[in-house]
C-alpha cells in the first residue's frame, strides 16, 4: 500500500473515532433518583451544588416556582449534573399530605414524574380548595385512608395517577400506607422547626438556608455562586 493509501486509512480511522465520540449519549442526571432520610434526591449525588427545596403541593408559590423554573433548571443544571435537588415535604393540610403519599407511591425512579404531574397542574385540580362544602372538608379530615380516598376522589387524583400508569387498586394501596403517611408528616414536623424555614418554597444550598430566596431568578443567582 502506498503512502497516500495509508494516510487515507488514518484519516478515515480518526474520523470514525471522532464520530463515535460525538455519538456517545451524555448522562441525563435528572433520571437518577434516590430516597433519603428526609426526602427524595434527584440528580448527580456528587454535584457541586446540593439544593434542598422545602415545598408544599397546596402552596401557590411552589407551583409558580415549579412552572417558572421547569425547563431552565432541569435542562441547564439538573440534567448535566451541575446540581442535585432534594425535595422535602412541608405539609400544610390533608390534601397536601395525600399528594405527598401519592407522589412517593412506587419506586424512587417514579418520583420526579409524579411530582411534576401534581405541581405543574395545580391550577387545574386545586379548585375544591377554595370551593367546597363543610361536609366535604369533614370527609377530607377523616383519619387514615378513608379521608385520603375522599380527597383523591374529590380532587381528581385517581385520574392523575392513572395517567402516570397506576391502577385504582394501586392508588388505594398507597393511600392506605400509614407508614408512608407517618414518614412524610414526621419529616414535615422536623423541617418546619429548621431555622430559616418558615414559608414555602424555601431553599438551601450545601446545607445553608437561603433567606429571601423564593423564586427561580433568585435561586439561580445563588446556584451560580456555588458552581
N, C-alpha and C. Protein backbone atom coordinates (compact mmCIF):
# COMPACT_ATOMS: atom_id res chain seq x y z
N UNK A 1 0.85 -1.20 0.00
CA UNK A 1 0.00 0.00 0.00
C UNK A 1 0.89 1.24 0.00
N UNK A 2 0.56 2.21 -0.86
CA UNK A 2 1.38 3.40 -0.93
C UNK A 2 1.06 4.37 0.21
N UNK A 3 1.87 5.41 0.30
CA UNK A 3 1.72 6.37 1.39
C UNK A 3 0.36 7.05 1.37
N UNK A 4 -0.15 7.35 0.17
CA UNK A 4 -1.45 8.01 0.06
C UNK A 4 -2.56 7.13 0.64
N UNK A 5 -2.47 5.82 0.37
CA UNK A 5 -3.46 4.90 0.91
C UNK A 5 -3.40 4.81 2.41
N UNK A 6 -2.20 4.81 2.98
CA UNK A 6 -2.03 4.76 4.43
C UNK A 6 -2.62 6.00 5.08
N UNK A 7 -2.34 7.15 4.47
CA UNK A 7 -2.87 8.40 5.02
C UNK A 7 -4.39 8.43 4.96
N UNK A 8 -4.95 7.89 3.87
CA UNK A 8 -6.41 7.88 3.72
C UNK A 8 -7.05 7.03 4.81
N UNK A 9 -6.46 5.88 5.08
CA UNK A 9 -6.98 5.00 6.13
C UNK A 9 -6.88 5.67 7.50
N UNK A 10 -5.77 6.36 7.74
CA UNK A 10 -5.58 7.03 9.03
C UNK A 10 -6.61 8.13 9.23
N UNK A 11 -6.90 8.88 8.14
CA UNK A 11 -7.89 9.96 8.23
C UNK A 11 -9.27 9.38 8.50
N UNK A 12 -9.61 8.29 7.80
CA UNK A 12 -10.91 7.65 8.00
C UNK A 12 -11.05 7.10 9.41
N UNK A 13 -9.97 6.53 9.94
CA UNK A 13 -10.00 5.99 11.30
C UNK A 13 -10.19 7.10 12.32
N UNK A 14 -9.48 8.21 12.12
CA UNK A 14 -9.61 9.33 13.04
C UNK A 14 -11.03 9.89 13.01
N UNK A 15 -11.60 9.98 11.79
CA UNK A 15 -12.97 10.48 11.66
C UNK A 15 -13.95 9.56 12.35
N UNK A 16 -13.72 8.24 12.24
CA UNK A 16 -14.61 7.28 12.89
C UNK A 16 -14.57 7.42 14.40
N UNK A 17 -13.35 7.60 14.93
CA UNK A 17 -13.21 7.80 16.36
C UNK A 17 -13.92 9.06 16.82
N UNK A 18 -13.73 10.14 16.02
CA UNK A 18 -14.37 11.41 16.36
C UNK A 18 -15.89 11.28 16.35
N UNK A 19 -16.41 10.64 15.29
CA UNK A 19 -17.86 10.48 15.19
C UNK A 19 -18.41 9.60 16.30
N UNK A 20 -17.67 8.55 16.62
CA UNK A 20 -18.10 7.66 17.70
C UNK A 20 -18.17 8.41 19.00
N UNK A 21 -17.14 9.25 19.24
CA UNK A 21 -17.13 10.03 20.48
C UNK A 21 -18.29 11.00 20.53
N UNK A 22 -18.60 11.60 19.39
CA UNK A 22 -19.67 12.58 19.36
C UNK A 22 -21.03 11.92 19.55
N UNK A 23 -21.14 10.65 19.17
CA UNK A 23 -22.45 9.99 19.24
C UNK A 23 -22.73 9.38 20.61
N UNK A 24 -21.74 9.37 21.48
CA UNK A 24 -21.96 8.81 22.80
C UNK A 24 -22.97 9.66 23.57
N UNK A 25 -24.05 9.05 24.09
CA UNK A 25 -25.04 9.85 24.81
C UNK A 25 -24.48 10.40 26.12
N UNK A 26 -24.86 11.62 26.43
CA UNK A 26 -24.47 12.22 27.69
C UNK A 26 -25.40 11.74 28.79
N UNK A 27 -24.86 11.64 29.98
CA UNK A 27 -25.69 11.23 31.11
C UNK A 27 -26.77 12.28 31.37
N UNK A 28 -27.98 11.81 31.62
CA UNK A 28 -29.07 12.71 31.99
C UNK A 28 -29.36 12.47 33.46
N UNK A 29 -28.80 13.32 34.31
CA UNK A 29 -28.83 13.07 35.75
C UNK A 29 -30.21 13.26 36.36
N UNK A 30 -31.14 13.86 35.63
CA UNK A 30 -32.46 14.02 36.22
C UNK A 30 -33.20 12.69 36.28
N UNK A 31 -32.64 11.65 35.65
CA UNK A 31 -33.22 10.32 35.75
C UNK A 31 -32.65 9.52 36.92
N UNK A 32 -31.77 10.13 37.69
CA UNK A 32 -31.16 9.47 38.85
C UNK A 32 -31.85 9.96 40.11
N UNK A 33 -32.55 9.07 40.79
CA UNK A 33 -33.32 9.45 41.98
C UNK A 33 -33.08 8.45 43.09
N UNK A 34 -33.09 8.96 44.32
CA UNK A 34 -32.89 8.10 45.49
C UNK A 34 -33.62 8.67 46.68
N UNK A 35 -34.25 7.81 47.45
CA UNK A 35 -34.87 8.26 48.69
C UNK A 35 -33.78 8.53 49.72
N UNK A 36 -33.96 9.58 50.46
CA UNK A 36 -33.04 9.93 51.53
C UNK A 36 -33.78 9.86 52.86
N UNK A 37 -33.08 10.15 53.91
CA UNK A 37 -33.70 10.12 55.23
C UNK A 37 -34.84 11.15 55.33
N UNK A 38 -34.70 12.27 54.61
CA UNK A 38 -35.67 13.37 54.76
C UNK A 38 -36.45 13.69 53.49
N UNK A 39 -36.20 13.00 52.41
CA UNK A 39 -36.92 13.32 51.18
C UNK A 39 -36.50 12.44 50.03
N UNK A 40 -36.48 13.02 48.83
CA UNK A 40 -36.04 12.32 47.63
C UNK A 40 -35.04 13.21 46.91
N UNK A 41 -33.87 12.64 46.59
CA UNK A 41 -32.83 13.39 45.88
C UNK A 41 -32.88 13.03 44.40
N UNK A 42 -32.84 14.07 43.57
CA UNK A 42 -32.83 13.90 42.12
C UNK A 42 -31.54 14.52 41.59
N UNK A 43 -30.81 13.76 40.77
CA UNK A 43 -29.62 14.33 40.15
C UNK A 43 -28.32 13.69 40.59
N UNK A 44 -27.24 14.28 40.15
CA UNK A 44 -25.88 13.80 40.39
C UNK A 44 -25.54 13.91 41.89
N UNK A 45 -25.36 12.78 42.57
CA UNK A 45 -25.08 12.87 44.01
C UNK A 45 -23.78 13.58 44.34
N UNK A 46 -22.87 13.69 43.35
CA UNK A 46 -21.58 14.35 43.58
C UNK A 46 -21.54 15.78 43.03
N UNK A 47 -22.67 16.34 42.71
CA UNK A 47 -22.72 17.70 42.16
C UNK A 47 -22.15 18.71 43.15
N UNK A 48 -21.58 19.79 42.61
CA UNK A 48 -21.01 20.82 43.47
C UNK A 48 -22.07 21.51 44.31
N UNK A 49 -23.23 21.76 43.72
CA UNK A 49 -24.30 22.45 44.43
C UNK A 49 -25.40 21.45 44.77
N UNK A 50 -25.61 21.25 46.05
CA UNK A 50 -26.64 20.35 46.53
C UNK A 50 -27.80 21.20 47.07
N UNK A 51 -28.88 21.23 46.30
CA UNK A 51 -30.01 22.09 46.61
C UNK A 51 -31.07 21.29 47.36
N UNK A 52 -31.66 21.92 48.36
CA UNK A 52 -32.83 21.35 49.03
C UNK A 52 -34.00 22.30 48.79
N UNK A 53 -35.12 21.74 48.35
CA UNK A 53 -36.34 22.53 48.23
C UNK A 53 -37.33 22.07 49.29
N UNK A 54 -37.75 22.99 50.14
CA UNK A 54 -38.78 22.74 51.14
C UNK A 54 -40.08 23.24 50.52
N UNK A 55 -41.05 22.38 50.31
CA UNK A 55 -42.19 22.75 49.49
C UNK A 55 -43.48 22.11 49.98
N UNK A 56 -44.58 22.61 49.42
CA UNK A 56 -45.91 22.07 49.69
C UNK A 56 -46.69 22.01 48.39
N UNK A 57 -47.46 20.96 48.20
CA UNK A 57 -48.24 20.83 46.97
C UNK A 57 -49.44 21.76 46.93
N UNK A 58 -49.90 22.26 48.05
CA UNK A 58 -51.04 23.18 48.05
C UNK A 58 -50.59 24.63 48.19
N UNK A 59 -49.31 24.88 48.01
CA UNK A 59 -48.75 26.23 48.07
C UNK A 59 -48.72 26.83 46.67
N UNK A 60 -49.47 27.90 46.39
CA UNK A 60 -49.46 28.50 45.05
C UNK A 60 -48.08 28.98 44.61
N UNK A 61 -47.30 29.50 45.55
CA UNK A 61 -45.96 29.99 45.20
C UNK A 61 -45.04 28.84 44.80
N UNK A 62 -45.25 27.66 45.37
CA UNK A 62 -44.45 26.49 44.98
C UNK A 62 -44.78 26.09 43.55
N UNK A 63 -46.06 26.14 43.20
CA UNK A 63 -46.46 25.82 41.83
C UNK A 63 -45.90 26.86 40.86
N UNK A 64 -45.91 28.12 41.24
CA UNK A 64 -45.34 29.17 40.40
C UNK A 64 -43.86 28.94 40.18
N UNK A 65 -43.16 28.57 41.25
CA UNK A 65 -41.73 28.30 41.11
C UNK A 65 -41.51 27.12 40.17
N UNK A 66 -42.27 26.05 40.35
CA UNK A 66 -42.10 24.85 39.52
C UNK A 66 -42.31 25.18 38.04
N UNK A 67 -43.33 25.97 37.74
CA UNK A 67 -43.63 26.33 36.36
C UNK A 67 -42.55 27.25 35.79
N UNK A 68 -42.13 28.21 36.58
CA UNK A 68 -41.14 29.20 36.14
C UNK A 68 -39.78 28.57 35.90
N UNK A 69 -39.41 27.59 36.74
CA UNK A 69 -38.06 27.03 36.70
C UNK A 69 -37.95 25.79 35.84
N UNK A 70 -39.06 25.19 35.45
CA UNK A 70 -39.08 23.83 34.92
C UNK A 70 -38.01 23.55 33.88
N UNK A 71 -38.06 24.22 32.75
CA UNK A 71 -37.11 23.93 31.69
C UNK A 71 -35.69 24.33 32.01
N UNK A 72 -35.52 25.56 32.48
CA UNK A 72 -34.17 26.09 32.72
C UNK A 72 -33.43 25.30 33.79
N UNK A 73 -34.11 24.97 34.87
CA UNK A 73 -33.46 24.26 35.96
C UNK A 73 -33.09 22.84 35.54
N UNK A 74 -34.02 22.14 34.91
CA UNK A 74 -33.78 20.74 34.56
C UNK A 74 -32.76 20.60 33.44
N UNK A 75 -32.92 21.39 32.40
CA UNK A 75 -32.03 21.26 31.24
C UNK A 75 -30.66 21.87 31.51
N UNK A 76 -30.65 23.02 32.17
CA UNK A 76 -29.39 23.74 32.35
C UNK A 76 -28.57 23.30 33.55
N UNK A 77 -29.20 22.74 34.56
CA UNK A 77 -28.47 22.45 35.80
C UNK A 77 -28.62 21.01 36.28
N UNK A 78 -29.84 20.49 36.24
CA UNK A 78 -30.06 19.16 36.81
C UNK A 78 -29.60 18.05 35.87
N UNK A 79 -30.05 18.06 34.63
CA UNK A 79 -29.71 17.00 33.68
C UNK A 79 -28.20 16.85 33.47
N UNK A 80 -27.44 17.94 33.29
CA UNK A 80 -26.00 17.78 33.08
C UNK A 80 -25.20 17.50 34.35
N UNK A 81 -25.86 17.41 35.49
CA UNK A 81 -25.16 17.04 36.72
C UNK A 81 -24.51 18.16 37.47
N UNK A 82 -24.87 19.40 37.15
CA UNK A 82 -24.25 20.54 37.83
C UNK A 82 -24.80 20.71 39.24
N UNK A 83 -26.04 20.25 39.46
CA UNK A 83 -26.65 20.32 40.78
C UNK A 83 -27.42 19.02 41.03
N UNK A 84 -27.76 18.79 42.30
CA UNK A 84 -28.83 17.84 42.59
C UNK A 84 -29.84 18.56 43.48
N UNK A 85 -31.04 18.04 43.53
CA UNK A 85 -32.10 18.64 44.32
C UNK A 85 -32.71 17.57 45.22
N UNK A 86 -32.82 17.89 46.49
CA UNK A 86 -33.54 17.03 47.42
C UNK A 86 -34.87 17.70 47.76
N UNK A 87 -35.94 17.02 47.47
CA UNK A 87 -37.28 17.54 47.72
C UNK A 87 -37.74 17.09 49.10
N UNK A 88 -38.11 18.06 49.94
CA UNK A 88 -38.57 17.76 51.29
C UNK A 88 -39.96 18.37 51.52
N UNK A 89 -40.85 17.55 52.03
CA UNK A 89 -42.24 17.96 52.22
C UNK A 89 -42.40 18.86 53.46
N UNK A 90 -43.13 19.95 53.26
CA UNK A 90 -43.63 20.76 54.37
C UNK A 90 -45.16 20.70 54.27
N UNK A 91 -45.76 19.82 55.04
CA UNK A 91 -47.19 19.54 54.90
C UNK A 91 -48.01 20.66 55.52
N UNK A 92 -48.99 21.15 54.75
CA UNK A 92 -49.85 22.25 55.20
C UNK A 92 -51.26 21.79 55.56
N UNK A 93 -51.70 20.69 54.98
CA UNK A 93 -53.09 20.27 55.17
C UNK A 93 -53.25 18.83 54.69
N UNK A 94 -54.42 18.20 54.91
CA UNK A 94 -54.62 16.80 54.49
C UNK A 94 -54.49 16.58 52.99
N UNK A 95 -54.87 17.57 52.19
CA UNK A 95 -54.73 17.43 50.74
C UNK A 95 -53.26 17.33 50.37
N UNK A 96 -52.45 18.18 50.95
CA UNK A 96 -51.01 18.18 50.73
C UNK A 96 -50.41 16.83 51.11
N UNK A 97 -50.80 16.30 52.27
CA UNK A 97 -50.27 15.01 52.71
C UNK A 97 -50.69 13.90 51.76
N UNK A 98 -51.93 13.94 51.29
CA UNK A 98 -52.40 12.92 50.36
C UNK A 98 -51.57 12.91 49.08
N UNK A 99 -51.29 14.09 48.54
CA UNK A 99 -50.46 14.16 47.33
C UNK A 99 -49.06 13.64 47.63
N UNK A 100 -48.52 14.00 48.78
CA UNK A 100 -47.19 13.52 49.14
C UNK A 100 -47.12 12.01 49.14
N UNK A 101 -48.14 11.36 49.64
CA UNK A 101 -48.18 9.89 49.65
C UNK A 101 -48.25 9.35 48.23
N UNK A 102 -49.07 9.97 47.38
CA UNK A 102 -49.20 9.50 46.00
C UNK A 102 -47.92 9.71 45.21
N UNK A 103 -47.28 10.83 45.40
CA UNK A 103 -46.05 11.13 44.67
C UNK A 103 -44.95 10.13 45.03
N UNK A 104 -44.96 9.65 46.27
CA UNK A 104 -43.96 8.68 46.71
C UNK A 104 -44.40 7.24 46.52
N UNK A 105 -45.48 7.04 45.78
CA UNK A 105 -46.01 5.70 45.53
C UNK A 105 -45.13 4.99 44.51
N UNK A 106 -44.60 3.84 44.88
CA UNK A 106 -43.78 3.07 43.95
C UNK A 106 -42.30 3.35 44.10
N UNK A 107 -41.54 2.99 43.09
CA UNK A 107 -40.09 3.11 43.12
C UNK A 107 -39.65 4.57 43.11
N UNK A 108 -38.47 4.88 43.70
CA UNK A 108 -37.96 6.26 43.67
C UNK A 108 -37.87 6.84 42.27
N UNK A 109 -37.63 6.00 41.27
CA UNK A 109 -37.48 6.49 39.90
C UNK A 109 -38.75 7.13 39.36
N UNK A 110 -39.88 6.89 40.00
CA UNK A 110 -41.13 7.49 39.56
C UNK A 110 -41.35 8.87 40.18
N UNK A 111 -40.53 9.24 41.15
CA UNK A 111 -40.82 10.43 41.95
C UNK A 111 -40.97 11.70 41.12
N UNK A 112 -39.98 12.04 40.30
CA UNK A 112 -39.99 13.35 39.63
C UNK A 112 -41.19 13.47 38.69
N UNK A 113 -41.49 12.41 37.96
CA UNK A 113 -42.65 12.44 37.09
C UNK A 113 -43.94 12.62 37.87
N UNK A 114 -44.05 11.91 38.99
CA UNK A 114 -45.23 12.06 39.84
C UNK A 114 -45.32 13.47 40.41
N UNK A 115 -44.19 13.97 40.88
CA UNK A 115 -44.12 15.31 41.45
C UNK A 115 -44.60 16.35 40.43
N UNK A 116 -44.08 16.28 39.21
CA UNK A 116 -44.46 17.23 38.18
C UNK A 116 -45.93 17.10 37.80
N UNK A 117 -46.45 15.87 37.82
CA UNK A 117 -47.85 15.65 37.44
C UNK A 117 -48.80 16.42 38.33
N UNK A 118 -48.42 16.63 39.60
CA UNK A 118 -49.26 17.40 40.51
C UNK A 118 -48.84 18.87 40.57
N UNK A 119 -47.55 19.12 40.69
CA UNK A 119 -47.11 20.50 40.91
C UNK A 119 -47.35 21.39 39.68
N UNK A 120 -47.13 20.85 38.50
CA UNK A 120 -47.27 21.66 37.30
C UNK A 120 -48.72 21.79 36.84
N UNK A 121 -49.64 21.08 37.49
CA UNK A 121 -51.06 21.18 37.13
C UNK A 121 -51.90 21.66 38.31
N UNK A 122 -51.27 22.29 39.28
CA UNK A 122 -52.01 22.70 40.47
C UNK A 122 -53.23 23.56 40.12
N UNK A 123 -53.09 24.41 39.13
CA UNK A 123 -54.20 25.31 38.77
C UNK A 123 -55.40 24.55 38.22
N UNK A 124 -55.21 23.29 37.81
CA UNK A 124 -56.31 22.50 37.26
C UNK A 124 -57.06 21.72 38.35
N UNK A 125 -56.33 21.23 39.36
CA UNK A 125 -57.00 20.37 40.35
C UNK A 125 -57.32 21.10 41.66
N UNK A 126 -56.79 22.30 41.88
CA UNK A 126 -56.89 22.95 43.19
C UNK A 126 -58.22 23.63 43.46
N UNK A 127 -59.14 23.65 42.50
CA UNK A 127 -60.40 24.35 42.69
C UNK A 127 -61.14 24.03 43.97
N UNK A 128 -61.28 22.75 44.35
CA UNK A 128 -62.00 22.43 45.59
C UNK A 128 -61.39 23.01 46.85
N UNK A 129 -60.12 23.42 46.80
CA UNK A 129 -59.53 24.05 47.99
C UNK A 129 -60.27 25.34 48.36
N UNK A 130 -60.72 26.06 47.35
CA UNK A 130 -61.40 27.33 47.59
C UNK A 130 -62.92 27.21 47.52
N UNK A 131 -63.39 26.13 46.93
CA UNK A 131 -64.83 25.99 46.71
C UNK A 131 -65.28 24.59 47.10
N UNK A 132 -65.58 24.40 48.37
CA UNK A 132 -66.03 23.09 48.85
C UNK A 132 -67.03 23.28 49.99
N UNK A 133 -67.73 22.23 50.30
CA UNK A 133 -68.73 22.29 51.36
C UNK A 133 -68.12 21.87 52.69
N UNK A 134 -68.82 22.19 53.75
CA UNK A 134 -68.37 21.76 55.08
C UNK A 134 -68.36 20.24 55.17
N UNK A 135 -69.30 19.60 54.52
CA UNK A 135 -69.35 18.14 54.54
C UNK A 135 -68.13 17.54 53.85
N UNK A 136 -67.72 18.15 52.72
CA UNK A 136 -66.53 17.66 52.03
C UNK A 136 -65.30 17.78 52.92
N UNK A 137 -65.15 18.94 53.53
CA UNK A 137 -63.97 19.15 54.38
C UNK A 137 -63.96 18.15 55.53
N UNK A 138 -65.12 17.86 56.07
CA UNK A 138 -65.20 16.88 57.16
C UNK A 138 -64.73 15.51 56.67
N UNK A 139 -65.11 15.16 55.45
CA UNK A 139 -64.65 13.88 54.87
C UNK A 139 -63.15 13.89 54.68
N UNK A 140 -62.62 15.00 54.20
CA UNK A 140 -61.17 15.09 53.97
C UNK A 140 -60.38 14.92 55.26
N UNK A 141 -60.96 15.37 56.35
CA UNK A 141 -60.25 15.32 57.63
C UNK A 141 -60.51 14.03 58.41
N UNK A 142 -61.22 13.11 57.78
CA UNK A 142 -61.39 11.79 58.38
C UNK A 142 -60.03 11.13 58.48
N UNK A 143 -59.74 10.52 59.60
CA UNK A 143 -58.41 9.95 59.83
C UNK A 143 -58.14 8.78 58.88
N UNK A 144 -56.89 8.63 58.52
CA UNK A 144 -56.44 7.45 57.79
C UNK A 144 -56.81 7.43 56.32
N UNK A 145 -56.86 6.19 55.78
CA UNK A 145 -57.05 6.00 54.36
C UNK A 145 -58.39 6.49 53.87
N UNK A 146 -59.43 6.42 54.71
CA UNK A 146 -60.75 6.86 54.27
C UNK A 146 -60.75 8.34 53.89
N UNK A 147 -60.13 9.16 54.70
CA UNK A 147 -60.04 10.58 54.38
C UNK A 147 -59.22 10.83 53.14
N UNK A 148 -58.15 10.09 52.96
CA UNK A 148 -57.29 10.28 51.79
C UNK A 148 -58.00 9.81 50.52
N UNK A 149 -58.78 8.76 50.59
CA UNK A 149 -59.55 8.32 49.42
C UNK A 149 -60.60 9.37 49.04
N UNK A 150 -61.22 10.00 50.04
CA UNK A 150 -62.20 11.06 49.77
C UNK A 150 -61.53 12.22 49.04
N UNK A 151 -60.34 12.59 49.49
CA UNK A 151 -59.59 13.67 48.84
C UNK A 151 -59.25 13.29 47.41
N UNK A 152 -58.75 12.08 47.22
CA UNK A 152 -58.37 11.63 45.87
C UNK A 152 -59.55 11.65 44.92
N UNK A 153 -60.73 11.29 45.43
CA UNK A 153 -61.92 11.29 44.59
C UNK A 153 -62.38 12.71 44.26
N UNK A 154 -62.43 13.58 45.27
CA UNK A 154 -62.95 14.93 45.07
C UNK A 154 -62.04 15.81 44.22
N UNK A 155 -60.74 15.57 44.28
CA UNK A 155 -59.79 16.41 43.55
C UNK A 155 -59.35 15.80 42.21
N UNK A 156 -59.83 14.62 41.87
CA UNK A 156 -59.45 14.00 40.61
C UNK A 156 -58.08 13.37 40.61
N UNK A 157 -57.58 13.00 41.79
CA UNK A 157 -56.23 12.44 41.86
C UNK A 157 -56.14 11.04 41.28
N UNK A 158 -57.24 10.29 41.29
CA UNK A 158 -57.20 8.97 40.67
C UNK A 158 -56.88 9.10 39.18
N UNK A 159 -57.48 10.08 38.54
CA UNK A 159 -57.23 10.28 37.10
C UNK A 159 -55.78 10.67 36.85
N UNK A 160 -55.25 11.57 37.67
CA UNK A 160 -53.84 11.97 37.51
C UNK A 160 -52.92 10.76 37.64
N UNK A 161 -53.17 9.92 38.61
CA UNK A 161 -52.32 8.75 38.82
C UNK A 161 -52.52 7.70 37.73
N UNK A 162 -53.72 7.57 37.22
CA UNK A 162 -53.95 6.65 36.11
C UNK A 162 -53.13 7.07 34.89
N UNK A 163 -53.03 8.38 34.66
CA UNK A 163 -52.21 8.86 33.55
C UNK A 163 -50.73 8.55 33.77
N UNK A 164 -50.36 8.37 35.00
CA UNK A 164 -48.98 8.02 35.34
C UNK A 164 -48.75 6.51 35.34
N UNK A 165 -49.80 5.74 34.99
CA UNK A 165 -49.64 4.30 34.87
C UNK A 165 -50.07 3.49 36.08
N UNK A 166 -50.74 4.12 37.04
CA UNK A 166 -51.19 3.43 38.24
C UNK A 166 -52.66 3.01 38.11
N UNK A 167 -52.98 1.81 38.53
CA UNK A 167 -54.37 1.39 38.59
C UNK A 167 -55.02 1.97 39.85
N UNK A 168 -56.35 1.97 39.88
CA UNK A 168 -57.05 2.45 41.06
C UNK A 168 -56.70 1.59 42.28
N UNK A 169 -56.55 0.30 42.06
CA UNK A 169 -56.17 -0.59 43.17
C UNK A 169 -54.81 -0.20 43.73
N UNK A 170 -53.86 0.11 42.85
CA UNK A 170 -52.52 0.52 43.29
C UNK A 170 -52.58 1.84 44.04
N UNK A 171 -53.41 2.76 43.56
CA UNK A 171 -53.55 4.05 44.24
C UNK A 171 -54.13 3.86 45.63
N UNK A 172 -55.18 3.05 45.73
CA UNK A 172 -55.79 2.81 47.04
C UNK A 172 -54.80 2.14 47.99
N UNK A 173 -53.97 1.27 47.46
CA UNK A 173 -52.97 0.62 48.30
C UNK A 173 -51.99 1.64 48.87
N UNK A 174 -51.59 2.58 48.03
CA UNK A 174 -50.67 3.62 48.50
C UNK A 174 -51.35 4.55 49.50
N UNK A 175 -52.61 4.89 49.25
CA UNK A 175 -53.33 5.77 50.17
C UNK A 175 -53.51 5.12 51.54
N UNK A 176 -53.50 3.80 51.58
CA UNK A 176 -53.65 3.08 52.84
C UNK A 176 -52.32 2.87 53.56
N UNK A 177 -51.22 3.36 52.97
CA UNK A 177 -49.89 3.15 53.56
C UNK A 177 -49.67 4.15 54.71
N UNK A 178 -50.06 3.74 55.90
CA UNK A 178 -49.94 4.64 57.05
C UNK A 178 -48.50 4.91 57.41
N UNK A 179 -47.62 3.93 57.18
CA UNK A 179 -46.20 4.14 57.47
C UNK A 179 -45.65 5.28 56.61
N UNK A 180 -46.05 5.33 55.35
CA UNK A 180 -45.60 6.42 54.48
C UNK A 180 -46.18 7.75 54.95
N UNK A 181 -47.46 7.73 55.32
CA UNK A 181 -48.09 8.96 55.83
C UNK A 181 -47.36 9.47 57.06
N UNK A 182 -47.02 8.57 57.97
CA UNK A 182 -46.31 8.96 59.20
C UNK A 182 -44.91 9.48 58.87
N UNK A 183 -44.26 8.87 57.88
CA UNK A 183 -42.91 9.29 57.49
C UNK A 183 -42.93 10.72 56.97
N UNK A 184 -43.86 11.01 56.05
CA UNK A 184 -43.93 12.35 55.45
C UNK A 184 -44.30 13.38 56.50
N UNK A 185 -45.29 13.07 57.34
CA UNK A 185 -45.70 14.01 58.38
C UNK A 185 -44.56 14.25 59.37
N UNK A 186 -43.82 13.19 59.69
CA UNK A 186 -42.70 13.34 60.61
C UNK A 186 -41.58 14.20 60.06
N UNK A 187 -41.27 14.01 58.77
CA UNK A 187 -40.27 14.86 58.11
C UNK A 187 -40.72 16.31 58.15
N UNK A 188 -41.99 16.52 57.84
CA UNK A 188 -42.52 17.88 57.80
C UNK A 188 -42.39 18.56 59.16
N UNK A 189 -42.75 17.84 60.21
CA UNK A 189 -42.66 18.42 61.56
C UNK A 189 -41.24 18.86 61.88
N UNK A 190 -40.26 18.04 61.49
CA UNK A 190 -38.86 18.37 61.75
C UNK A 190 -38.42 19.58 60.94
N UNK A 191 -38.79 19.59 59.67
CA UNK A 191 -38.30 20.64 58.79
C UNK A 191 -38.94 21.99 59.08
N UNK A 192 -40.19 22.01 59.54
CA UNK A 192 -40.80 23.29 59.92
C UNK A 192 -40.07 23.92 61.09
N UNK A 193 -39.37 23.11 61.89
CA UNK A 193 -38.62 23.63 63.04
C UNK A 193 -37.21 24.07 62.66
N UNK A 194 -36.80 23.85 61.42
CA UNK A 194 -35.44 24.21 61.00
C UNK A 194 -35.30 25.73 60.93
N UNK A 195 -34.26 26.30 61.52
CA UNK A 195 -34.06 27.75 61.45
C UNK A 195 -34.02 28.25 60.00
N UNK A 196 -34.78 29.30 59.74
CA UNK A 196 -34.82 29.88 58.41
C UNK A 196 -35.89 29.31 57.51
N UNK A 197 -36.48 28.17 57.91
CA UNK A 197 -37.54 27.55 57.10
C UNK A 197 -38.87 27.95 57.71
N UNK A 198 -39.50 28.98 57.15
CA UNK A 198 -40.75 29.47 57.72
C UNK A 198 -41.82 29.73 56.67
N UNK A 199 -41.55 29.34 55.41
CA UNK A 199 -42.53 29.51 54.35
C UNK A 199 -42.16 28.56 53.22
N UNK A 200 -43.08 28.44 52.27
CA UNK A 200 -42.81 27.60 51.10
C UNK A 200 -42.97 28.43 49.83
N UNK A 201 -42.09 28.22 48.83
CA UNK A 201 -40.92 27.35 48.93
C UNK A 201 -39.75 28.06 49.61
N UNK A 202 -38.93 27.28 50.30
CA UNK A 202 -37.67 27.76 50.85
C UNK A 202 -36.58 26.86 50.31
N UNK A 203 -35.37 27.40 50.15
CA UNK A 203 -34.28 26.64 49.55
C UNK A 203 -33.03 26.69 50.43
N UNK A 204 -32.27 25.61 50.36
CA UNK A 204 -30.94 25.56 50.98
C UNK A 204 -29.97 25.05 49.94
N UNK A 205 -28.74 25.52 50.01
CA UNK A 205 -27.68 25.03 49.12
C UNK A 205 -26.49 24.63 49.98
N UNK A 206 -26.07 23.39 49.79
CA UNK A 206 -24.95 22.83 50.56
C UNK A 206 -25.14 23.04 52.06
N UNK A 207 -26.37 22.84 52.51
CA UNK A 207 -26.68 22.88 53.92
C UNK A 207 -26.99 24.25 54.48
N UNK A 208 -26.92 25.29 53.65
CA UNK A 208 -27.15 26.65 54.11
C UNK A 208 -28.49 27.15 53.57
N UNK A 209 -29.41 27.52 54.46
CA UNK A 209 -30.70 28.05 54.03
C UNK A 209 -30.48 29.42 53.40
N UNK A 210 -31.14 29.65 52.25
CA UNK A 210 -31.01 30.89 51.51
C UNK A 210 -32.18 31.82 51.88
N UNK A 211 -32.02 32.70 52.85
CA UNK A 211 -33.14 33.57 53.25
C UNK A 211 -33.56 34.50 52.12
N UNK A 212 -34.86 34.66 51.96
CA UNK A 212 -35.38 35.55 50.94
C UNK A 212 -35.35 34.99 49.53
N UNK A 213 -34.95 33.73 49.38
CA UNK A 213 -34.89 33.10 48.06
C UNK A 213 -36.12 32.24 47.88
N UNK A 214 -37.06 32.73 47.06
CA UNK A 214 -38.32 32.00 46.88
C UNK A 214 -38.72 31.88 45.41
N UNK A 215 -37.94 32.49 44.50
CA UNK A 215 -38.26 32.47 43.08
C UNK A 215 -37.11 31.85 42.30
N UNK A 216 -37.37 31.46 41.04
CA UNK A 216 -36.32 30.88 40.23
C UNK A 216 -35.18 31.86 39.93
N UNK A 217 -35.44 33.11 39.54
CA UNK A 217 -34.30 34.02 39.32
C UNK A 217 -33.42 34.17 40.55
N UNK A 218 -34.02 34.25 41.72
CA UNK A 218 -33.23 34.39 42.95
C UNK A 218 -32.43 33.13 43.21
N UNK A 219 -33.04 31.97 43.04
CA UNK A 219 -32.32 30.72 43.29
C UNK A 219 -31.20 30.51 42.28
N UNK A 220 -31.45 30.83 41.02
CA UNK A 220 -30.41 30.66 40.00
C UNK A 220 -29.18 31.51 40.33
N UNK A 221 -29.40 32.73 40.79
CA UNK A 221 -28.26 33.56 41.18
C UNK A 221 -27.46 32.90 42.30
N UNK A 222 -28.15 32.31 43.24
CA UNK A 222 -27.47 31.65 44.35
C UNK A 222 -26.71 30.41 43.87
N UNK A 223 -27.34 29.62 43.01
CA UNK A 223 -26.70 28.41 42.49
C UNK A 223 -25.39 28.74 41.80
N UNK A 224 -25.40 29.80 40.99
CA UNK A 224 -24.20 30.17 40.23
C UNK A 224 -23.03 30.48 41.12
N UNK A 225 -23.29 30.91 42.33
CA UNK A 225 -22.19 31.20 43.26
C UNK A 225 -21.51 29.92 43.76
N UNK A 226 -22.19 28.80 43.64
CA UNK A 226 -21.64 27.53 44.15
C UNK A 226 -21.04 26.65 43.06
N UNK A 227 -21.35 26.93 41.80
CA UNK A 227 -20.82 26.07 40.75
C UNK A 227 -19.82 26.80 39.85
